[in-house]
Structure formats: C-alpha cells, structure tokens
N, C-alpha and C. Protein backbone atom coordinates (compact mmCIF):
# COMPACT_ATOMS: atom_id res chain seq x y z
N MET A 1 0.47 75.48 -35.77
CA MET A 1 0.36 77.18 -35.92
C MET A 1 -1.10 77.79 -35.50
N THR A 2 -0.98 78.53 -34.51
CA THR A 2 -2.38 79.41 -34.53
C THR A 2 -2.87 80.05 -35.47
N GLN A 3 -4.00 80.61 -35.59
CA GLN A 3 -4.65 81.45 -36.38
C GLN A 3 -3.94 82.69 -36.49
N LYS A 4 -3.67 83.29 -35.09
CA LYS A 4 -2.87 84.39 -35.24
C LYS A 4 -1.85 84.45 -35.66
N GLN A 5 -0.90 83.25 -35.34
CA GLN A 5 0.78 83.21 -35.87
C GLN A 5 0.52 82.77 -37.43
N THR A 6 -0.63 82.38 -37.85
CA THR A 6 -0.66 82.17 -39.55
C THR A 6 -0.90 83.73 -40.11
N ILE A 7 -1.81 84.57 -39.19
CA ILE A 7 -2.16 85.73 -39.89
C ILE A 7 -0.93 86.24 -39.92
N VAL A 8 -0.18 86.50 -38.75
CA VAL A 8 1.18 87.43 -38.73
C VAL A 8 2.02 86.90 -39.85
N ALA A 9 2.33 85.78 -40.07
CA ALA A 9 2.89 84.96 -40.78
C ALA A 9 3.04 85.62 -42.35
N LEU A 10 1.33 85.38 -42.74
CA LEU A 10 0.93 85.97 -44.03
C LEU A 10 1.04 87.31 -44.06
N LEU A 11 0.89 88.10 -43.19
CA LEU A 11 1.12 89.87 -43.25
C LEU A 11 2.59 90.24 -43.67
N ASN A 12 3.27 89.34 -42.64
CA ASN A 12 4.86 89.65 -43.01
C ASN A 12 5.33 89.27 -44.38
N GLU A 13 4.94 88.07 -44.75
CA GLU A 13 5.22 87.39 -46.27
C GLU A 13 4.52 88.52 -47.42
N ARG A 14 3.53 88.91 -47.26
CA ARG A 14 2.83 89.82 -48.34
C ARG A 14 3.06 91.16 -48.38
N GLY A 15 3.83 91.55 -46.89
CA GLY A 15 4.13 93.19 -47.01
C GLY A 15 3.10 94.10 -47.32
N ARG A 16 3.52 94.81 -48.05
CA ARG A 16 2.76 96.28 -48.63
C ARG A 16 1.38 95.80 -49.50
N GLU A 17 1.47 94.36 -49.91
CA GLU A 17 0.45 94.07 -50.83
C GLU A 17 -0.81 93.65 -50.32
N GLY A 18 -0.37 93.09 -48.73
CA GLY A 18 -1.51 92.89 -47.33
C GLY A 18 -2.17 91.54 -47.98
N ILE A 19 -3.21 91.23 -47.01
CA ILE A 19 -4.09 90.26 -47.34
C ILE A 19 -5.50 90.61 -47.65
N LYS A 20 -6.18 90.26 -48.45
CA LYS A 20 -7.44 90.40 -48.94
C LYS A 20 -8.54 89.70 -47.94
N ASN A 21 -9.59 90.14 -47.61
CA ASN A 21 -10.43 89.54 -47.08
C ASN A 21 -11.08 88.27 -47.34
N TYR A 22 -11.31 87.97 -48.70
CA TYR A 22 -11.67 86.72 -48.96
C TYR A 22 -10.57 85.67 -48.87
N GLU A 23 -9.41 86.02 -48.86
CA GLU A 23 -8.30 85.09 -48.43
C GLU A 23 -8.35 84.40 -47.19
N PHE A 24 -8.74 84.83 -46.16
CA PHE A 24 -8.93 84.61 -44.91
C PHE A 24 -9.10 82.90 -44.71
N PRO A 25 -10.18 82.39 -45.52
CA PRO A 25 -10.99 81.16 -45.53
C PRO A 25 -10.48 80.08 -46.46
N GLN A 26 -9.49 80.79 -47.18
CA GLN A 26 -8.69 79.84 -47.86
C GLN A 26 -7.22 78.99 -46.84
N HIS A 27 -7.09 80.07 -45.82
CA HIS A 27 -6.16 79.35 -44.83
C HIS A 27 -7.14 78.82 -43.68
N PHE A 28 -8.36 78.65 -43.52
CA PHE A 28 -8.91 78.23 -42.44
C PHE A 28 -9.21 78.93 -41.60
N ILE A 29 -9.22 80.48 -41.69
CA ILE A 29 -9.20 81.47 -40.86
C ILE A 29 -10.87 82.05 -41.17
N LEU A 30 -12.15 81.47 -40.39
CA LEU A 30 -13.03 82.15 -40.76
C LEU A 30 -13.17 83.32 -39.54
N ASN A 31 -13.23 83.34 -38.53
CA ASN A 31 -13.34 84.57 -37.95
C ASN A 31 -12.27 85.52 -37.56
N TYR A 32 -11.76 85.93 -39.04
CA TYR A 32 -10.76 86.51 -39.11
C TYR A 32 -10.77 88.25 -38.09
N LYS A 33 -11.81 88.54 -38.23
CA LYS A 33 -11.83 90.10 -37.72
C LYS A 33 -11.66 89.92 -36.38
N ALA A 34 -12.16 88.81 -35.47
CA ALA A 34 -11.74 88.81 -34.14
C ALA A 34 -10.19 88.47 -33.76
N ARG A 35 -9.68 87.64 -34.77
CA ARG A 35 -8.10 87.35 -34.67
C ARG A 35 -7.09 88.41 -35.05
N LEU A 36 -7.59 89.36 -35.78
CA LEU A 36 -7.13 90.89 -36.16
C LEU A 36 -7.31 91.66 -35.03
N ASP A 37 -8.29 91.75 -34.39
CA ASP A 37 -8.50 92.39 -33.04
C ASP A 37 -7.96 92.35 -31.90
N GLU A 38 -7.68 90.96 -32.07
CA GLU A 38 -6.82 90.18 -30.93
C GLU A 38 -5.13 90.83 -31.04
N LEU A 39 -4.69 90.74 -32.33
CA LEU A 39 -3.27 91.17 -32.58
C LEU A 39 -3.06 92.80 -32.48
N ARG A 40 -4.30 93.44 -32.59
CA ARG A 40 -4.21 94.75 -32.62
C ARG A 40 -4.00 94.93 -31.19
N GLU A 41 -4.75 94.17 -30.42
CA GLU A 41 -4.76 94.21 -28.73
C GLU A 41 -3.25 94.25 -28.42
N ASP A 42 -2.65 93.07 -29.14
CA ASP A 42 -1.32 92.55 -28.62
C ASP A 42 -0.38 93.41 -29.12
N GLY A 43 -0.79 94.86 -30.05
CA GLY A 43 0.33 95.69 -29.97
C GLY A 43 0.70 95.75 -31.70
N TYR A 44 0.15 95.02 -32.36
CA TYR A 44 0.19 94.99 -33.63
C TYR A 44 -0.15 96.23 -34.64
N ASN A 45 0.35 96.83 -35.48
CA ASN A 45 -0.23 97.85 -35.81
C ASN A 45 -0.79 97.44 -37.54
N ILE A 46 -2.02 96.94 -37.67
CA ILE A 46 -2.61 96.48 -38.79
C ILE A 46 -3.53 97.33 -39.10
N LYS A 47 -3.05 98.02 -40.67
CA LYS A 47 -3.86 98.93 -41.43
C LYS A 47 -4.80 98.40 -42.07
N THR A 48 -6.10 98.90 -42.04
CA THR A 48 -7.53 98.29 -42.93
C THR A 48 -7.46 99.10 -43.88
N ILE A 49 -7.44 98.54 -45.34
CA ILE A 49 -7.81 99.66 -46.39
C ILE A 49 -8.62 98.93 -47.34
N ARG A 50 -9.64 99.50 -47.91
CA ARG A 50 -10.83 99.17 -48.95
C ARG A 50 -10.09 99.46 -50.20
N VAL A 51 -10.57 98.07 -50.98
CA VAL A 51 -10.07 98.12 -52.16
C VAL A 51 -10.84 98.42 -52.95
N LYS A 52 -12.52 97.86 -52.86
CA LYS A 52 -13.42 98.40 -53.45
C LYS A 52 -14.52 97.73 -52.92
N ASP A 53 -15.83 98.11 -53.31
CA ASP A 53 -17.22 97.58 -52.31
C ASP A 53 -16.91 96.72 -51.58
N ASN A 54 -17.02 95.25 -51.41
CA ASN A 54 -16.80 94.21 -50.38
C ASN A 54 -15.50 93.62 -50.07
N VAL A 55 -14.23 94.48 -50.57
CA VAL A 55 -12.77 93.94 -50.73
C VAL A 55 -12.16 95.13 -49.85
N TRP A 56 -11.56 94.42 -49.00
CA TRP A 56 -10.48 95.04 -47.87
C TRP A 56 -9.37 94.52 -47.79
N LYS A 57 -8.19 95.24 -47.88
CA LYS A 57 -7.06 94.48 -47.36
C LYS A 57 -6.71 94.83 -46.11
N TYR A 58 -5.72 93.99 -45.56
CA TYR A 58 -5.06 94.34 -44.32
C TYR A 58 -3.57 94.09 -44.44
N VAL A 59 -3.01 95.33 -44.01
CA VAL A 59 -1.63 95.35 -44.09
C VAL A 59 -0.65 95.51 -42.88
N LEU A 60 0.22 95.08 -42.51
CA LEU A 60 1.09 95.08 -41.45
C LEU A 60 1.98 96.11 -41.23
N GLU A 61 1.95 97.10 -40.30
CA GLU A 61 2.53 98.45 -40.22
C GLU A 61 3.94 98.03 -39.72
N ASN A 62 3.87 97.27 -38.73
CA ASN A 62 5.19 96.90 -38.09
C ASN A 62 5.36 95.52 -37.93
N THR A 63 6.54 95.04 -37.68
CA THR A 63 6.75 93.62 -37.96
C THR A 63 6.60 92.86 -36.46
N ARG A 64 6.81 93.75 -35.68
CA ARG A 64 6.71 93.33 -34.09
C ARG A 64 5.60 94.21 -33.35
N PRO A 65 5.04 93.77 -32.19
CA PRO A 65 3.93 94.42 -31.16
C PRO A 65 5.02 95.61 -30.96
N VAL A 66 4.34 96.78 -30.95
CA VAL A 66 5.28 98.30 -30.38
C VAL A 66 4.65 97.85 -29.17
N LYS A 67 3.56 97.78 -28.69
CA LYS A 67 3.46 97.99 -27.42
C LYS A 67 2.33 97.16 -26.87
N GLN A 68 2.00 96.80 -25.68
CA GLN A 68 0.52 96.06 -25.17
C GLN A 68 -0.39 97.19 -25.00
N SER A 69 -1.63 96.95 -25.62
CA SER A 69 -2.80 97.71 -25.41
C SER A 69 -3.27 97.92 -24.06
N TRP A 70 -4.03 98.98 -23.90
CA TRP A 70 -4.75 99.12 -22.53
C TRP A 70 -5.61 97.93 -22.22
N GLN A 71 -6.13 97.51 -23.57
CA GLN A 71 -7.12 96.24 -23.03
C GLN A 71 -6.51 95.02 -22.84
N ALA A 72 -5.38 94.53 -23.40
CA ALA A 72 -4.47 93.44 -23.15
C ALA A 72 -4.06 93.55 -21.75
N LYS A 73 -3.52 95.03 -21.32
CA LYS A 73 -2.89 95.02 -19.88
C LYS A 73 -3.97 94.91 -18.96
N ARG A 74 -5.38 95.26 -19.07
CA ARG A 74 -6.24 94.84 -18.40
C ARG A 74 -6.88 93.49 -18.40
N LYS A 75 -6.49 92.86 -19.09
CA LYS A 75 -7.22 91.54 -19.36
C LYS A 75 -6.06 90.74 -18.43
N LEU A 76 -4.85 90.97 -18.78
CA LEU A 76 -3.80 90.57 -17.91
C LEU A 76 -4.02 90.53 -16.59
N GLU A 77 -4.64 91.76 -16.00
CA GLU A 77 -4.40 92.37 -14.71
C GLU A 77 -5.70 91.41 -14.12
N GLN A 78 -6.60 91.54 -14.73
CA GLN A 78 -8.06 90.72 -14.60
C GLN A 78 -7.80 89.11 -14.07
N THR A 79 -6.74 88.54 -14.79
CA THR A 79 -6.56 86.93 -14.84
C THR A 79 -5.80 86.84 -13.52
N LYS A 80 -4.68 87.84 -13.57
CA LYS A 80 -4.00 87.70 -12.22
C LYS A 80 -4.81 87.85 -11.02
N GLU A 81 -5.90 88.82 -10.90
CA GLU A 81 -6.64 89.10 -9.85
C GLU A 81 -7.62 87.67 -9.58
N MET A 82 -8.16 87.15 -10.45
CA MET A 82 -8.99 85.97 -10.45
C MET A 82 -8.09 84.65 -9.96
N GLU A 83 -6.93 84.64 -10.64
CA GLU A 83 -5.91 83.36 -10.13
C GLU A 83 -5.75 83.48 -8.68
N GLU A 84 -5.48 84.90 -8.29
CA GLU A 84 -4.95 85.22 -6.98
C GLU A 84 -6.18 84.64 -5.83
N ARG A 85 -7.60 84.73 -6.47
CA ARG A 85 -8.74 84.33 -5.65
C ARG A 85 -9.23 83.09 -5.86
N GLY A 86 -8.29 82.19 -6.45
CA GLY A 86 -8.67 80.90 -6.75
C GLY A 86 -9.46 80.57 -7.72
N GLN A 87 -9.88 81.31 -8.66
CA GLN A 87 -10.95 81.14 -9.47
C GLN A 87 -10.53 80.52 -10.71
N GLY A 88 -9.27 80.78 -11.05
CA GLY A 88 -8.32 79.79 -12.11
C GLY A 88 -8.56 81.06 -13.19
N ARG A 89 -8.11 80.30 -14.31
CA ARG A 89 -8.37 81.25 -15.56
C ARG A 89 -9.78 80.85 -16.15
N LEU A 90 -10.50 82.13 -15.99
CA LEU A 90 -11.55 82.14 -17.00
C LEU A 90 -11.85 82.85 -18.25
N ILE A 91 -11.11 83.56 -18.38
CA ILE A 91 -10.92 84.43 -19.65
C ILE A 91 -10.46 83.73 -20.81
C-alpha cells in the first residue's frame, strides 16, 4: 500500500475525528505534507484544522476525488507531451 493510499484509508476510517500531524510518523509517513498536497491535487478535499499550538488535524471532506485539479491536469499534459517527444516519463 502506498503512503497516499494509507492516508486515504486512515482518513476514511477516522471520519470527523481526522488524523493529527503527530500520528503520521507512526504509520511511517514522514513527508505527510507532500502526500496531502498530492492528494489534494488528485481532487481530495482535505480540511486542515488547528487543534492547539503545534497540533493540526486533517479531515477528509469527501470520500472520493471530486475532480482533477488544474495542476494534476497540467502535469498529465506535460507528461504526454514529453512521451510524444520520446523523452519518456521524467516527472
């Protein structure tokens, strides 16, 4: 299971309780902010809520991606263009 799949599964499991920022390393997800950004690019609506000083929780607002973001669409278009030019997948 990838880190993104793990995060989505945890968010679905926790529901409104969400996942706190200090819980990610317990699941071997160290760069969780990047993974959350990627999930948001994939169309997941993940809400960030400040609990106290340095504690944040993340709650999934929708269980499936709503739509592909413009960043994800652009990345896909760039990848296709590069493959057409014979450069392979560099992204």
